Amino acid sequence: MSNKEMTVEKGVDLRRYMGRWYEIACFPSRFQPSDGTNTRATYTLREDGIVGVLNETWSGGKRSYIEGTAYKADPNSDEAKLKVKFYVPPFLPIFPVVGDYWILHLDRDYHYALIGQPSRNYLWILCRQPHLDDEIYNQLVEKAKEEGYDVSKLHKTPQSDTPPEQEGPQDTKGIWWIKSLFGK
């Protein structure tokens, strides 16, 4: 792990950041199904300044999702360091899980982003479209390397050319979440 302090974006306009983002690549985590496809996040800014978060993925033909919130880690800072909070398990939300969501890079048009956190255990490459140009993808991978990430752990997320717009059949029992505890 690198001891270098990470550089995060400053002055991010949260209103422009809202909307749907597709996961192009990530470090696999126990919080997501290992066979997930069409993974995406949708952010909605509430009147109180809190961001509503909806993370979705499709596994075994069924939609799995978890809802949470995000907020500025330090409301007085212009750094794009957010905290995200989800309650788990998703089928019986009892326990809050809070994590860091740092915007390490965001293009001027808010079209693609590199998201990480201080331990460097999690990394995401996001895009407004389900596919990202290889050149831009490689630039983001290089940026992650510069920030001290072991990019050999990056896993590209399969995305359809026409991502599902309907919610589809749901994993109502939270089976994906239980399986994720065992790394499946």
N, C-alpha and C. Protein backbone atom coordinates (compact mmCIF):
# COMPACT_ATOMS: atom_id res chain seq x y z
N MET A 1 0.85 -1.18 0.00
CA MET A 1 0.00 0.00 0.00
C MET A 1 0.90 1.24 0.00
N SER A 2 0.46 2.24 -0.72
CA SER A 2 1.21 3.48 -0.82
C SER A 2 0.94 4.38 0.38
N ASN A 3 1.97 5.11 0.78
CA ASN A 3 1.79 6.09 1.86
C ASN A 3 1.48 7.47 1.31
N LYS A 4 1.51 7.60 -0.01
CA LYS A 4 1.23 8.87 -0.66
C LYS A 4 -0.21 9.30 -0.36
N GLU A 5 -0.35 10.57 0.00
CA GLU A 5 -1.71 11.08 0.23
C GLU A 5 -2.42 11.19 -1.11
N MET A 6 -3.63 10.71 -1.18
CA MET A 6 -4.37 10.73 -2.43
C MET A 6 -4.85 12.13 -2.78
N THR A 7 -4.85 12.38 -4.07
CA THR A 7 -5.37 13.64 -4.59
C THR A 7 -6.84 13.41 -4.93
N VAL A 8 -7.71 14.27 -4.41
CA VAL A 8 -9.13 14.17 -4.74
C VAL A 8 -9.56 15.43 -5.48
N GLU A 9 -10.64 15.31 -6.22
CA GLU A 9 -11.18 16.46 -6.93
C GLU A 9 -11.67 17.50 -5.92
N LYS A 10 -11.66 18.73 -6.35
CA LYS A 10 -12.19 19.83 -5.53
C LYS A 10 -13.26 20.57 -6.34
N GLY A 11 -14.22 21.10 -5.62
CA GLY A 11 -15.25 21.92 -6.26
C GLY A 11 -16.23 21.15 -7.13
N VAL A 12 -16.46 19.88 -6.83
CA VAL A 12 -17.40 19.09 -7.61
C VAL A 12 -18.82 19.62 -7.38
N ASP A 13 -19.53 19.83 -8.47
CA ASP A 13 -20.92 20.28 -8.41
C ASP A 13 -21.80 19.04 -8.25
N LEU A 14 -22.28 18.80 -7.05
CA LEU A 14 -23.06 17.58 -6.79
C LEU A 14 -24.31 17.50 -7.66
N ARG A 15 -24.90 18.64 -7.98
CA ARG A 15 -26.09 18.60 -8.85
C ARG A 15 -25.75 17.99 -10.21
N ARG A 16 -24.60 18.37 -10.76
CA ARG A 16 -24.18 17.81 -12.06
C ARG A 16 -23.78 16.35 -11.94
N TYR A 17 -23.33 15.94 -10.76
CA TYR A 17 -22.87 14.57 -10.56
C TYR A 17 -24.05 13.59 -10.43
N MET A 18 -25.23 14.10 -10.12
CA MET A 18 -26.39 13.24 -9.91
C MET A 18 -26.77 12.53 -11.21
N GLY A 19 -27.51 11.44 -11.05
CA GLY A 19 -27.97 10.67 -12.19
C GLY A 19 -27.37 9.28 -12.19
N ARG A 20 -27.44 8.63 -13.34
CA ARG A 20 -26.99 7.25 -13.45
C ARG A 20 -25.54 7.17 -13.89
N TRP A 21 -24.80 6.26 -13.24
CA TRP A 21 -23.42 5.95 -13.57
C TRP A 21 -23.29 4.44 -13.71
N TYR A 22 -22.62 4.00 -14.78
CA TYR A 22 -22.39 2.58 -15.01
C TYR A 22 -21.01 2.19 -14.50
N GLU A 23 -20.93 1.05 -13.85
CA GLU A 23 -19.65 0.55 -13.36
C GLU A 23 -18.91 -0.11 -14.52
N ILE A 24 -17.80 0.49 -14.91
CA ILE A 24 -16.98 -0.03 -16.00
C ILE A 24 -16.00 -1.07 -15.47
N ALA A 25 -15.45 -0.80 -14.30
CA ALA A 25 -14.51 -1.73 -13.66
C ALA A 25 -14.48 -1.43 -12.17
N CYS A 26 -14.04 -2.42 -11.40
CA CYS A 26 -13.94 -2.24 -9.95
C CYS A 26 -12.99 -3.28 -9.37
N PHE A 27 -12.62 -3.07 -8.13
CA PHE A 27 -11.98 -4.11 -7.35
C PHE A 27 -13.12 -4.99 -6.85
N PRO A 28 -13.08 -6.28 -7.07
CA PRO A 28 -14.14 -7.14 -6.54
C PRO A 28 -14.25 -6.98 -5.02
N SER A 29 -15.47 -7.02 -4.53
CA SER A 29 -15.68 -6.89 -3.09
C SER A 29 -16.75 -7.87 -2.64
N ARG A 30 -16.77 -8.12 -1.36
CA ARG A 30 -17.77 -9.04 -0.83
C ARG A 30 -19.15 -8.42 -0.79
N PHE A 31 -19.25 -7.13 -1.12
CA PHE A 31 -20.54 -6.46 -1.09
C PHE A 31 -21.30 -6.56 -2.40
N GLN A 32 -20.66 -7.18 -3.42
CA GLN A 32 -21.32 -7.31 -4.71
C GLN A 32 -21.23 -8.76 -5.17
N PRO A 33 -22.26 -9.24 -5.89
CA PRO A 33 -22.19 -10.59 -6.43
C PRO A 33 -20.99 -10.71 -7.38
N SER A 34 -20.27 -11.82 -7.30
CA SER A 34 -19.09 -11.99 -8.15
C SER A 34 -19.45 -12.15 -9.62
N ASP A 35 -20.69 -12.55 -9.91
CA ASP A 35 -21.12 -12.71 -11.30
C ASP A 35 -22.04 -11.57 -11.76
N GLY A 36 -21.99 -10.43 -11.06
CA GLY A 36 -22.87 -9.31 -11.39
C GLY A 36 -22.58 -8.71 -12.76
N THR A 37 -23.64 -8.35 -13.44
CA THR A 37 -23.53 -7.67 -14.74
C THR A 37 -24.40 -6.43 -14.71
N ASN A 38 -24.16 -5.54 -15.67
CA ASN A 38 -24.97 -4.32 -15.81
C ASN A 38 -25.05 -3.55 -14.49
N THR A 39 -23.96 -3.55 -13.75
CA THR A 39 -23.93 -2.88 -12.46
C THR A 39 -23.93 -1.38 -12.66
N ARG A 40 -24.74 -0.70 -11.86
CA ARG A 40 -24.86 0.75 -12.00
C ARG A 40 -25.27 1.38 -10.67
N ALA A 41 -25.06 2.67 -10.60
CA ALA A 41 -25.46 3.45 -9.43
C ALA A 41 -26.26 4.64 -9.91
N THR A 42 -27.30 4.98 -9.19
CA THR A 42 -28.10 6.16 -9.49
C THR A 42 -28.11 7.03 -8.25
N TYR A 43 -27.73 8.30 -8.44
CA TYR A 43 -27.63 9.25 -7.34
C TYR A 43 -28.69 10.33 -7.51
N THR A 44 -29.34 10.67 -6.40
CA THR A 44 -30.40 11.68 -6.40
C THR A 44 -30.14 12.64 -5.24
N LEU A 45 -30.05 13.94 -5.54
CA LEU A 45 -29.80 14.94 -4.50
C LEU A 45 -31.13 15.34 -3.86
N ARG A 46 -31.20 15.15 -2.55
CA ARG A 46 -32.40 15.53 -1.81
C ARG A 46 -32.31 17.01 -1.43
N GLU A 47 -33.45 17.57 -1.00
CA GLU A 47 -33.50 18.98 -0.61
C GLU A 47 -32.59 19.30 0.57
N ASP A 48 -32.37 18.30 1.44
CA ASP A 48 -31.52 18.53 2.61
C ASP A 48 -30.03 18.39 2.32
N GLY A 49 -29.67 18.18 1.04
CA GLY A 49 -28.27 18.07 0.66
C GLY A 49 -27.71 16.66 0.73
N ILE A 50 -28.49 15.72 1.26
CA ILE A 50 -28.08 14.32 1.32
C ILE A 50 -28.33 13.69 -0.06
N VAL A 51 -27.45 12.79 -0.46
CA VAL A 51 -27.59 12.12 -1.74
C VAL A 51 -28.21 10.74 -1.53
N GLY A 52 -29.29 10.47 -2.23
CA GLY A 52 -29.87 9.13 -2.24
C GLY A 52 -29.06 8.26 -3.18
N VAL A 53 -28.75 7.04 -2.77
CA VAL A 53 -27.92 6.13 -3.56
C VAL A 53 -28.71 4.86 -3.83
N LEU A 54 -28.76 4.45 -5.09
CA LEU A 54 -29.35 3.17 -5.48
C LEU A 54 -28.30 2.42 -6.28
N ASN A 55 -27.76 1.34 -5.72
CA ASN A 55 -26.81 0.48 -6.42
C ASN A 55 -27.55 -0.75 -6.90
N GLU A 56 -27.40 -1.06 -8.20
CA GLU A 56 -28.09 -2.21 -8.79
C GLU A 56 -27.09 -3.08 -9.54
N THR A 57 -27.38 -4.38 -9.57
CA THR A 57 -26.63 -5.30 -10.42
C THR A 57 -27.56 -6.45 -10.78
N TRP A 58 -27.23 -7.17 -11.83
CA TRP A 58 -28.01 -8.32 -12.23
C TRP A 58 -27.15 -9.56 -12.04
N SER A 59 -27.70 -10.55 -11.37
CA SER A 59 -26.98 -11.79 -11.09
C SER A 59 -27.94 -12.95 -11.28
N GLY A 60 -27.58 -13.90 -12.12
CA GLY A 60 -28.47 -15.03 -12.37
C GLY A 60 -29.79 -14.60 -12.97
N GLY A 61 -29.77 -13.51 -13.74
CA GLY A 61 -30.99 -13.01 -14.38
C GLY A 61 -31.90 -12.21 -13.47
N LYS A 62 -31.49 -12.01 -12.22
CA LYS A 62 -32.32 -11.27 -11.28
C LYS A 62 -31.62 -9.99 -10.83
N ARG A 63 -32.44 -8.99 -10.59
CA ARG A 63 -31.93 -7.70 -10.13
C ARG A 63 -31.70 -7.73 -8.63
N SER A 64 -30.50 -7.35 -8.24
CA SER A 64 -30.18 -7.18 -6.83
C SER A 64 -29.87 -5.70 -6.63
N TYR A 65 -30.25 -5.18 -5.49
CA TYR A 65 -30.00 -3.76 -5.26
C TYR A 65 -29.87 -3.48 -3.78
N ILE A 66 -29.30 -2.33 -3.50
CA ILE A 66 -29.24 -1.83 -2.13
C ILE A 66 -29.35 -0.32 -2.21
N GLU A 67 -30.08 0.25 -1.28
CA GLU A 67 -30.26 1.70 -1.23
C GLU A 67 -29.52 2.26 -0.02
N GLY A 68 -29.02 3.45 -0.17
CA GLY A 68 -28.31 4.09 0.92
C GLY A 68 -28.30 5.59 0.74
N THR A 69 -27.40 6.24 1.44
CA THR A 69 -27.24 7.69 1.34
C THR A 69 -25.77 8.04 1.29
N ALA A 70 -25.49 9.23 0.83
CA ALA A 70 -24.13 9.76 0.81
C ALA A 70 -24.19 11.22 1.26
N TYR A 71 -23.09 11.67 1.85
CA TYR A 71 -23.03 13.04 2.34
C TYR A 71 -21.57 13.47 2.39
N LYS A 72 -21.34 14.77 2.36
CA LYS A 72 -19.97 15.28 2.42
C LYS A 72 -19.34 14.92 3.76
N ALA A 73 -18.12 14.37 3.70
CA ALA A 73 -17.43 13.99 4.94
C ALA A 73 -17.16 15.23 5.79
N ASP A 74 -16.79 16.34 5.14
CA ASP A 74 -16.57 17.61 5.84
C ASP A 74 -17.33 18.68 5.07
N PRO A 75 -18.47 19.10 5.58
CA PRO A 75 -19.30 20.07 4.85
C PRO A 75 -18.57 21.39 4.56
N ASN A 76 -17.51 21.70 5.29
CA ASN A 76 -16.79 22.96 5.09
C ASN A 76 -15.63 22.84 4.11
N SER A 77 -15.41 21.66 3.58
CA SER A 77 -14.29 21.44 2.65
C SER A 77 -14.82 21.41 1.21
N ASP A 78 -13.98 21.84 0.27
CA ASP A 78 -14.38 21.74 -1.14
C ASP A 78 -13.86 20.45 -1.77
N GLU A 79 -13.23 19.58 -0.97
CA GLU A 79 -12.75 18.30 -1.48
C GLU A 79 -13.92 17.34 -1.69
N ALA A 80 -13.82 16.54 -2.75
CA ALA A 80 -14.88 15.58 -3.08
C ALA A 80 -14.69 14.29 -2.29
N LYS A 81 -14.80 14.42 -0.98
CA LYS A 81 -14.72 13.28 -0.07
C LYS A 81 -16.10 13.11 0.54
N LEU A 82 -16.74 12.02 0.17
CA LEU A 82 -18.08 11.73 0.67
C LEU A 82 -18.03 10.51 1.57
N LYS A 83 -19.05 10.36 2.38
CA LYS A 83 -19.30 9.15 3.16
C LYS A 83 -20.56 8.53 2.58
N VAL A 84 -20.57 7.22 2.45
CA VAL A 84 -21.76 6.50 2.01
C VAL A 84 -22.22 5.60 3.15
N LYS A 85 -23.53 5.46 3.28
CA LYS A 85 -24.07 4.63 4.35
C LYS A 85 -25.15 3.73 3.77
N PHE A 86 -24.99 2.44 4.04
CA PHE A 86 -25.98 1.44 3.66
C PHE A 86 -26.36 0.67 4.92
N TYR A 87 -27.58 0.16 4.94
CA TYR A 87 -28.00 -0.70 6.04
C TYR A 87 -28.05 -2.13 5.51
N VAL A 88 -27.47 -3.06 6.26
CA VAL A 88 -27.41 -4.45 5.82
C VAL A 88 -27.98 -5.35 6.90
N PRO A 89 -28.41 -6.54 6.54
CA PRO A 89 -28.55 -7.00 5.16
C PRO A 89 -29.68 -6.26 4.45
N PRO A 90 -29.63 -6.18 3.12
CA PRO A 90 -30.61 -5.36 2.40
C PRO A 90 -32.06 -5.84 2.57
N PHE A 91 -32.24 -7.13 2.83
CA PHE A 91 -33.60 -7.65 2.98
C PHE A 91 -34.16 -7.42 4.38
N LEU A 92 -33.31 -7.00 5.33
CA LEU A 92 -33.73 -6.69 6.69
C LEU A 92 -32.74 -5.66 7.24
N PRO A 93 -32.84 -4.42 6.74
CA PRO A 93 -31.81 -3.41 7.05
C PRO A 93 -31.74 -3.05 8.53
N ILE A 94 -30.70 -3.56 9.18
CA ILE A 94 -30.54 -3.34 10.61
C ILE A 94 -29.23 -2.63 10.92
N PHE A 95 -28.15 -3.09 10.31
CA PHE A 95 -26.82 -2.62 10.66
C PHE A 95 -26.31 -1.58 9.67
N PRO A 96 -25.93 -0.39 10.15
CA PRO A 96 -25.37 0.60 9.23
C PRO A 96 -23.91 0.27 8.89
N VAL A 97 -23.59 0.38 7.63
CA VAL A 97 -22.21 0.23 7.16
C VAL A 97 -21.85 1.55 6.49
N VAL A 98 -20.80 2.20 6.97
CA VAL A 98 -20.39 3.49 6.44
C VAL A 98 -19.03 3.33 5.79
N GLY A 99 -18.88 3.91 4.60
CA GLY A 99 -17.61 3.85 3.89
C GLY A 99 -17.26 5.18 3.26
N ASP A 100 -16.04 5.26 2.77
CA ASP A 100 -15.58 6.47 2.09
C ASP A 100 -15.84 6.36 0.59
N TYR A 101 -16.16 7.48 -0.02
CA TYR A 101 -16.40 7.60 -1.46
C TYR A 101 -15.66 8.86 -1.88
N TRP A 102 -14.44 8.68 -2.36
CA TRP A 102 -13.64 9.83 -2.77
C TRP A 102 -13.58 9.90 -4.28
N ILE A 103 -13.90 11.05 -4.83
CA ILE A 103 -13.81 11.25 -6.28
C ILE A 103 -12.37 11.66 -6.59
N LEU A 104 -11.61 10.70 -7.11
CA LEU A 104 -10.20 10.93 -7.39
C LEU A 104 -9.99 11.64 -8.73
N HIS A 105 -10.88 11.39 -9.65
CA HIS A 105 -10.81 12.07 -10.94
C HIS A 105 -12.21 12.15 -11.52
N LEU A 106 -12.52 13.29 -12.12
CA LEU A 106 -13.80 13.52 -12.77
C LEU A 106 -13.54 14.42 -13.97
N ASP A 107 -13.96 13.98 -15.14
CA ASP A 107 -13.70 14.82 -16.31
C ASP A 107 -14.57 16.06 -16.29
N ARG A 108 -14.19 17.03 -17.06
CA ARG A 108 -14.84 18.34 -17.07
C ARG A 108 -16.33 18.25 -17.40
N ASP A 109 -16.70 17.26 -18.23
CA ASP A 109 -18.09 17.12 -18.65
C ASP A 109 -18.92 16.19 -17.75
N TYR A 110 -18.30 15.71 -16.67
CA TYR A 110 -18.98 14.79 -15.74
C TYR A 110 -19.46 13.54 -16.48
N HIS A 111 -18.59 13.02 -17.34
CA HIS A 111 -18.93 11.83 -18.14
C HIS A 111 -18.30 10.56 -17.58
N TYR A 112 -17.13 10.66 -16.96
CA TYR A 112 -16.48 9.50 -16.36
C TYR A 112 -15.76 9.91 -15.09
N ALA A 113 -15.60 8.93 -14.19
CA ALA A 113 -15.03 9.23 -12.88
C ALA A 113 -14.22 8.05 -12.36
N LEU A 114 -13.26 8.38 -11.52
CA LEU A 114 -12.46 7.39 -10.80
C LEU A 114 -12.77 7.58 -9.32
N ILE A 115 -13.26 6.53 -8.68
CA ILE A 115 -13.69 6.60 -7.28
C ILE A 115 -12.83 5.67 -6.44
N GLY A 116 -12.39 6.16 -5.29
CA GLY A 116 -11.60 5.32 -4.41
C GLY A 116 -11.85 5.67 -2.96
N GLN A 117 -10.96 5.20 -2.10
CA GLN A 117 -11.05 5.51 -0.69
C GLN A 117 -9.68 5.31 -0.06
N PRO A 118 -9.46 5.87 1.13
CA PRO A 118 -8.10 5.98 1.67
C PRO A 118 -7.34 4.67 1.90
N SER A 119 -8.01 3.57 2.16
CA SER A 119 -7.29 2.32 2.38
C SER A 119 -6.82 1.69 1.07
N ARG A 120 -7.36 2.18 -0.04
CA ARG A 120 -7.05 1.66 -1.38
C ARG A 120 -7.53 0.21 -1.57
N ASN A 121 -8.50 -0.20 -0.78
CA ASN A 121 -9.07 -1.55 -0.92
C ASN A 121 -10.22 -1.59 -1.91
N TYR A 122 -10.76 -0.44 -2.25
CA TYR A 122 -11.88 -0.36 -3.17
C TYR A 122 -11.57 0.67 -4.24
N LEU A 123 -11.99 0.37 -5.47
CA LEU A 123 -11.75 1.26 -6.60
C LEU A 123 -12.84 1.02 -7.63
N TRP A 124 -13.35 2.09 -8.20
CA TRP A 124 -14.37 1.98 -9.23
C TRP A 124 -14.03 2.93 -10.37
N ILE A 125 -14.29 2.49 -11.57
CA ILE A 125 -14.28 3.35 -12.75
C ILE A 125 -15.72 3.41 -13.22
N LEU A 126 -16.27 4.63 -13.27
CA LEU A 126 -17.67 4.84 -13.61
C LEU A 126 -17.79 5.68 -14.87
N CYS A 127 -18.89 5.48 -15.57
CA CYS A 127 -19.15 6.25 -16.80
C CYS A 127 -20.66 6.45 -16.94
N ARG A 128 -21.04 7.52 -17.60
CA ARG A 128 -22.46 7.79 -17.84
C ARG A 128 -23.07 6.82 -18.84
N GLN A 129 -22.22 6.20 -19.64
CA GLN A 129 -22.66 5.22 -20.64
C GLN A 129 -22.16 3.84 -20.21
N PRO A 130 -22.77 2.77 -20.72
CA PRO A 130 -22.34 1.43 -20.29
C PRO A 130 -20.96 1.02 -20.80
N HIS A 131 -20.40 1.78 -21.73
CA HIS A 131 -19.08 1.45 -22.26
C HIS A 131 -18.21 2.71 -22.26
N LEU A 132 -16.91 2.52 -22.04
CA LEU A 132 -15.96 3.62 -21.98
C LEU A 132 -14.85 3.37 -22.99
N ASP A 133 -14.46 4.41 -23.70
CA ASP A 133 -13.37 4.33 -24.67
C ASP A 133 -12.11 3.76 -24.01
N ASP A 134 -11.43 2.83 -24.69
CA ASP A 134 -10.24 2.17 -24.13
C ASP A 134 -9.16 3.16 -23.74
N GLU A 135 -8.97 4.20 -24.52
CA GLU A 135 -7.92 5.18 -24.21
C GLU A 135 -8.21 5.89 -22.89
N ILE A 136 -9.46 6.28 -22.69
CA ILE A 136 -9.85 6.94 -21.45
C ILE A 136 -9.75 5.95 -20.28
N TYR A 137 -10.20 4.72 -20.51
CA TYR A 137 -10.09 3.69 -19.48
C TYR A 137 -8.64 3.54 -19.03
N ASN A 138 -7.72 3.44 -19.99
CA ASN A 138 -6.30 3.28 -19.66
C ASN A 138 -5.75 4.50 -18.91
N GLN A 139 -6.23 5.69 -19.25
CA GLN A 139 -5.81 6.89 -18.53
C GLN A 139 -6.26 6.84 -17.07
N LEU A 140 -7.47 6.36 -16.85
CA LEU A 140 -7.99 6.25 -15.48
C LEU A 140 -7.23 5.18 -14.70
N VAL A 141 -6.89 4.09 -15.36
CA VAL A 141 -6.09 3.05 -14.71
C VAL A 141 -4.72 3.62 -14.32
N GLU A 142 -4.14 4.40 -15.20
CA GLU A 142 -2.83 5.02 -14.90
C GLU A 142 -2.95 5.99 -13.73
N LYS A 143 -4.03 6.75 -13.70
CA LYS A 143 -4.27 7.68 -12.59
C LYS A 143 -4.39 6.91 -11.27
N ALA A 144 -5.10 5.78 -11.30
CA ALA A 144 -5.23 4.95 -10.09
C ALA A 144 -3.86 4.43 -9.64
N LYS A 145 -3.05 4.03 -10.59
CA LYS A 145 -1.69 3.58 -10.28
C LYS A 145 -0.90 4.69 -9.60
N GLU A 146 -1.01 5.91 -10.13
CA GLU A 146 -0.32 7.06 -9.55
C GLU A 146 -0.77 7.33 -8.12
N GLU A 147 -2.02 6.97 -7.82
CA GLU A 147 -2.56 7.19 -6.47
C GLU A 147 -2.25 6.03 -5.53
N GLY A 148 -1.47 5.05 -6.02
CA GLY A 148 -1.02 3.97 -5.16
C GLY A 148 -1.87 2.72 -5.18
N TYR A 149 -2.78 2.59 -6.13
CA TYR A 149 -3.62 1.40 -6.23
C TYR A 149 -2.91 0.28 -6.97
N ASP A 150 -3.15 -0.96 -6.54
CA ASP A 150 -2.67 -2.15 -7.24
C ASP A 150 -3.71 -2.46 -8.32
N VAL A 151 -3.51 -1.91 -9.50
CA VAL A 151 -4.52 -2.01 -10.55
C VAL A 151 -4.64 -3.41 -11.15
N SER A 152 -3.74 -4.31 -10.75
CA SER A 152 -3.87 -5.70 -11.22
C SER A 152 -5.16 -6.33 -10.67
N LYS A 153 -5.73 -5.74 -9.62
CA LYS A 153 -6.97 -6.27 -9.02
C LYS A 153 -8.23 -5.77 -9.74
N LEU A 154 -8.07 -4.83 -10.68
CA LEU A 154 -9.24 -4.31 -11.39
C LEU A 154 -9.92 -5.39 -12.21
N HIS A 155 -11.23 -5.42 -12.14
CA HIS A 155 -12.05 -6.39 -12.87
C HIS A 155 -13.06 -5.60 -13.70
N LYS A 156 -13.06 -5.82 -15.02
CA LYS A 156 -14.05 -5.13 -15.87
C LYS A 156 -15.43 -5.73 -15.63
N THR A 157 -16.40 -4.86 -15.52
CA THR A 157 -17.78 -5.27 -15.26
C THR A 157 -18.51 -5.46 -16.58
N PRO A 158 -19.05 -6.65 -16.84
CA PRO A 158 -19.80 -6.85 -18.09
C PRO A 158 -21.02 -5.93 -18.14
N GLN A 159 -21.15 -5.22 -19.26
CA GLN A 159 -22.28 -4.33 -19.48
C GLN A 159 -22.90 -4.67 -20.83
N SER A 160 -24.22 -4.71 -20.89
CA SER A 160 -24.92 -4.95 -22.14
C SER A 160 -24.86 -3.71 -23.01
N ASP A 161 -25.00 -3.92 -24.32
CA ASP A 161 -25.10 -2.77 -25.22
C ASP A 161 -26.38 -1.99 -24.94
N THR A 162 -27.41 -2.71 -24.56
CA THR A 162 -28.67 -2.08 -24.17
C THR A 162 -28.97 -2.52 -22.74
N PRO A 163 -28.51 -1.73 -21.75
CA PRO A 163 -28.71 -2.11 -20.36
C PRO A 163 -30.19 -2.19 -20.00
N PRO A 164 -30.53 -3.04 -19.03
CA PRO A 164 -31.93 -3.17 -18.63
C PRO A 164 -32.46 -1.85 -18.07
N GLU A 165 -33.61 -1.45 -18.54
CA GLU A 165 -34.24 -0.23 -18.02
C GLU A 165 -35.31 -0.58 -17.00
N GLN A 166 -35.86 -1.76 -17.14
CA GLN A 166 -36.88 -2.20 -16.19
C GLN A 166 -36.19 -2.80 -14.98
N GLU A 167 -36.89 -2.79 -13.88
CA GLU A 167 -36.33 -3.38 -12.67
C GLU A 167 -36.16 -4.87 -12.81
N GLY A 168 -37.06 -5.56 -13.50
CA GLY A 168 -36.92 -6.99 -13.71
C GLY A 168 -37.20 -7.80 -12.46
N PRO A 169 -37.07 -9.13 -12.60
CA PRO A 169 -37.29 -9.98 -11.42
C PRO A 169 -36.24 -9.67 -10.36
N GLN A 170 -36.67 -9.67 -9.11
CA GLN A 170 -35.77 -9.27 -8.03
C GLN A 170 -35.36 -10.45 -7.18
N ASP A 171 -34.16 -10.32 -6.63
CA ASP A 171 -33.68 -11.25 -5.61
C ASP A 171 -34.26 -10.74 -4.29
N THR A 172 -35.48 -11.16 -3.99
CA THR A 172 -36.17 -10.63 -2.81
C THR A 172 -35.70 -11.25 -1.51
N LYS A 173 -34.94 -12.31 -1.59
CA LYS A 173 -34.49 -12.97 -0.37
C LYS A 173 -33.09 -12.53 0.02
N GLY A 174 -32.44 -11.71 -0.81
CA GLY A 174 -31.09 -11.26 -0.48
C GLY A 174 -30.06 -12.37 -0.57
N ILE A 175 -30.34 -13.38 -1.37
CA ILE A 175 -29.43 -14.51 -1.50
C ILE A 175 -28.04 -14.04 -1.93
N TRP A 176 -27.98 -13.07 -2.85
CA TRP A 176 -26.66 -12.58 -3.32
C TRP A 176 -25.86 -12.04 -2.16
N TRP A 177 -26.53 -11.36 -1.22
CA TRP A 177 -25.81 -10.76 -0.11
C TRP A 177 -25.26 -11.84 0.82
N ILE A 178 -26.06 -12.86 1.07
CA ILE A 178 -25.60 -13.98 1.92
C ILE A 178 -24.43 -14.68 1.24
N LYS A 179 -24.55 -14.95 -0.09
CA LYS A 179 -23.46 -15.59 -0.81
C LYS A 179 -22.20 -14.72 -0.79
N SER A 180 -22.37 -13.39 -0.81
CA SER A 180 -21.22 -12.51 -0.84
C SER A 180 -20.39 -12.62 0.44
N LEU A 181 -21.03 -13.00 1.54
CA LEU A 181 -20.30 -13.19 2.78
C LEU A 181 -19.27 -14.31 2.68
N PHE A 182 -19.54 -15.23 1.75
CA PHE A 182 -18.65 -16.36 1.55
C PHE A 182 -17.80 -16.20 0.30
N GLY A 183 -17.78 -14.99 -0.27
CA GLY A 183 -16.94 -14.70 -1.43
C GLY A 183 -17.42 -15.30 -2.72
N LYS A 184 -18.73 -15.52 -2.87
CA LYS A 184 -19.26 -16.12 -4.10
C LYS A 184 -19.97 -15.09 -4.94
